Amino acid sequence: MMMIRREEKKEITKHISKIGGFNEKTKGYHAVENLLILGEWSFHWYEKSFCIQNAGWLQHIGLEVEVRSDAVRVSDGAIEEYYINVIISTIL
């Protein structure tokens, strides 16, 4: 098991953003980046409906996230799995 680094998280952010059709100037890009780096979207920071809707979309594209009562969370293990299964497999 590799240790997922900030650089890989930024690469994944760019990849997910490209799929979603948004760029570095959009709220969506920064929300994905925050989720990957901080590990969660707290319902105190983002609207609950935004988080839940986008959590479903992230799961649809292969990133396993957990919807809890107070936040949407993602583990480094789930990020690493997405990186290996989606990012690296497209390179090979």
C-alpha atoms as a PDB file:
ATOM      1  CA  MET A   1       0.000   0.000   0.000  1.00  0.00           C
ATOM      2  CA  MET A   2       1.423   3.348  -1.036  1.00  0.00           C
ATOM      3  CA  MET A   3       1.101   6.550   0.949  1.00  0.00           C
ATOM      4  CA  ILE A   4      -1.040   9.017  -0.987  1.00  0.00           C
ATOM      5  CA  ARG A   5       0.687  12.384  -1.133  1.00  0.00           C
ATOM      6  CA  ARG A   6      -0.614  15.888  -1.626  1.00  0.00           C
ATOM      7  CA  GLU A   7       0.736  15.877  -5.211  1.00  0.00           C
ATOM      8  CA  GLU A   8      -1.382  12.837  -6.102  1.00  0.00           C
ATOM      9  CA  LYS A   9      -4.403  14.450  -4.468  1.00  0.00           C
ATOM     10  CA  LYS A  10      -3.893  17.525  -6.642  1.00  0.00           C
ATOM     11  CA  GLU A  11      -3.570  15.298  -9.727  1.00  0.00           C
ATOM     12  CA  ILE A  12      -6.821  13.540  -8.787  1.00  0.00           C
ATOM     13  CA  THR A  13      -8.500  16.928  -8.254  1.00  0.00           C
ATOM     14  CA  LYS A  14      -7.554  17.947 -11.798  1.00  0.00           C
ATOM     15  CA  HIS A  15      -8.751  14.605 -13.182  1.00  0.00           C
ATOM     16  CA  ILE A  16     -12.118  14.740 -11.396  1.00  0.00           C
ATOM     17  CA  SER A  17     -12.557  18.382 -12.359  1.00  0.00           C
ATOM     18  CA  LYS A  18     -11.926  17.563 -16.007  1.00  0.00           C
ATOM     19  CA  ILE A  19     -14.613  14.864 -15.863  1.00  0.00           C
ATOM     20  CA  GLY A  20     -16.989  17.344 -14.202  1.00  0.00           C
ATOM     21  CA  GLY A  21     -16.230  20.084 -16.708  1.00  0.00           C
ATOM     22  CA  PHE A  22     -15.003  22.682 -14.254  1.00  0.00           C
ATOM     23  CA  ASN A  23     -11.677  24.454 -13.884  1.00  0.00           C
ATOM     24  CA  GLU A  24      -9.504  25.930 -11.145  1.00  0.00           C
ATOM     25  CA  LYS A  25     -11.632  29.083 -10.939  1.00  0.00           C
ATOM     26  CA  THR A  26     -14.837  27.275  -9.997  1.00  0.00           C
ATOM     27  CA  LYS A  27     -16.338  26.372  -6.640  1.00  0.00           C
ATOM     28  CA  GLY A  28     -16.510  22.732  -7.723  1.00  0.00           C
ATOM     29  CA  TYR A  29     -12.766  22.497  -8.287  1.00  0.00           C
ATOM     30  CA  HIS A  30     -11.972  23.936  -4.873  1.00  0.00           C
ATOM     31  CA  ALA A  31     -14.596  21.778  -3.205  1.00  0.00           C
ATOM     32  CA  VAL A  32     -13.064  18.600  -4.663  1.00  0.00           C
ATOM     33  CA  GLU A  33      -9.585  19.782  -3.708  1.00  0.00           C
ATOM     34  CA  ASN A  34     -10.722  20.477  -0.130  1.00  0.00           C
ATOM     35  CA  LEU A  35     -12.429  17.097   0.115  1.00  0.00           C
ATOM     36  CA  LEU A  36      -9.306  15.259  -0.988  1.00  0.00           C
ATOM     37  CA  ILE A  37      -6.841  17.260   1.094  1.00  0.00           C
ATOM     38  CA  LEU A  38      -8.925  17.732   4.253  1.00  0.00           C
ATOM     39  CA  GLY A  39     -10.768  14.419   4.003  1.00  0.00           C
ATOM     40  CA  GLU A  40     -14.263  15.820   4.372  1.00  0.00           C
ATOM     41  CA  TRP A  41     -16.938  18.285   3.342  1.00  0.00           C
ATOM     42  CA  SER A  42     -18.419  19.473   6.600  1.00  0.00           C
ATOM     43  CA  PHE A  43     -22.050  20.560   6.367  1.00  0.00           C
ATOM     44  CA  HIS A  44     -20.894  23.650   8.280  1.00  0.00           C
ATOM     45  CA  TRP A  45     -18.656  24.642   5.341  1.00  0.00           C
ATOM     46  CA  TYR A  46     -20.824  23.518   2.409  1.00  0.00           C
ATOM     47  CA  GLU A  47     -24.568  23.170   1.911  1.00  0.00           C
ATOM     48  CA  LYS A  48     -25.748  19.696   2.811  1.00  0.00           C
ATOM     49  CA  SER A  49     -27.604  19.264  -0.498  1.00  0.00           C
ATOM     50  CA  PHE A  50     -24.453  20.240  -2.441  1.00  0.00           C
ATOM     51  CA  CYS A  51     -22.420  17.687  -0.513  1.00  0.00           C
ATOM     52  CA  ILE A  52     -24.888  14.838  -0.883  1.00  0.00           C
ATOM     53  CA  GLN A  53     -25.517  15.453  -4.586  1.00  0.00           C
ATOM     54  CA  ASN A  54     -21.810  15.615  -5.365  1.00  0.00           C
ATOM     55  CA  ALA A  55     -21.034  12.627  -3.138  1.00  0.00           C
ATOM     56  CA  GLY A  56     -23.329  10.565  -5.343  1.00  0.00           C
ATOM     57  CA  TRP A  57     -21.569  11.829  -8.458  1.00  0.00           C
ATOM     58  CA  LEU A  58     -18.127  11.068  -6.995  1.00  0.00           C
ATOM     59  CA  GLN A  59     -19.247   7.538  -6.190  1.00  0.00           C
ATOM     60  CA  HIS A  60     -20.577   7.192  -9.735  1.00  0.00           C
ATOM     61  CA  ILE A  61     -17.144   8.013 -11.199  1.00  0.00           C
ATOM     62  CA  GLY A  62     -15.401   5.613  -8.825  1.00  0.00           C
ATOM     63  CA  LEU A  63     -14.343   7.565  -5.718  1.00  0.00           C
ATOM     64  CA  GLU A  64     -15.785   5.919  -2.635  1.00  0.00           C
ATOM     65  CA  VAL A  65     -17.048   8.529  -0.189  1.00  0.00           C
ATOM     66  CA  GLU A  66     -19.068   8.159   2.986  1.00  0.00           C
ATOM     67  CA  VAL A  67     -22.112  10.328   3.675  1.00  0.00           C
ATOM     68  CA  ARG A  68     -22.467  10.851   7.408  1.00  0.00           C
ATOM     69  CA  SER A  69     -24.888  12.937   9.429  1.00  0.00           C
ATOM     70  CA  ASP A  70     -22.504  15.897   9.667  1.00  0.00           C
ATOM     71  CA  ALA A  71     -20.221  15.578   6.633  1.00  0.00           C
ATOM     72  CA  VAL A  72     -19.172  13.729   3.530  1.00  0.00           C
ATOM     73  CA  ARG A  73     -15.892  11.980   4.191  1.00  0.00           C
ATOM     74  CA  VAL A  74     -13.261  10.242   2.120  1.00  0.00           C
ATOM     75  CA  SER A  75     -10.357   8.199   3.441  1.00  0.00           C
ATOM     76  CA  ASP A  76      -6.813   8.214   2.122  1.00  0.00           C
ATOM     77  CA  GLY A  77      -7.345   4.535   1.314  1.00  0.00           C
ATOM     78  CA  ALA A  78     -10.305   5.379  -0.939  1.00  0.00           C
ATOM     79  CA  ILE A  79      -8.309   8.176  -2.587  1.00  0.00           C
ATOM     80  CA  GLU A  80      -5.390   5.801  -3.123  1.00  0.00           C
ATOM     81  CA  GLU A  81      -7.686   3.154  -4.617  1.00  0.00           C
ATOM     82  CA  TYR A  82      -9.146   5.729  -7.027  1.00  0.00           C
ATOM     83  CA  TYR A  83      -5.648   6.876  -7.954  1.00  0.00           C
ATOM     84  CA  ILE A  84      -4.496   3.337  -8.718  1.00  0.00           C
ATOM     85  CA  ASN A  85      -7.666   2.138 -10.448  1.00  0.00           C
ATOM     86  CA  VAL A  86      -8.469   5.247 -12.478  1.00  0.00           C
ATOM     87  CA  ILE A  87      -5.464   7.541 -12.860  1.00  0.00           C
ATOM     88  CA  ILE A  88      -2.658   4.995 -13.159  1.00  0.00           C
ATOM     89  CA  SER A  89      -4.717   2.552 -15.239  1.00  0.00           C
ATOM     90  CA  THR A  90      -5.339   5.279 -17.851  1.00  0.00           C
ATOM     91  CA  ILE A  91      -1.591   5.851 -18.138  1.00  0.00           C
ATOM     92  CA  LEU A  92      -0.806   2.177 -18.694  1.00  0.00           C
END
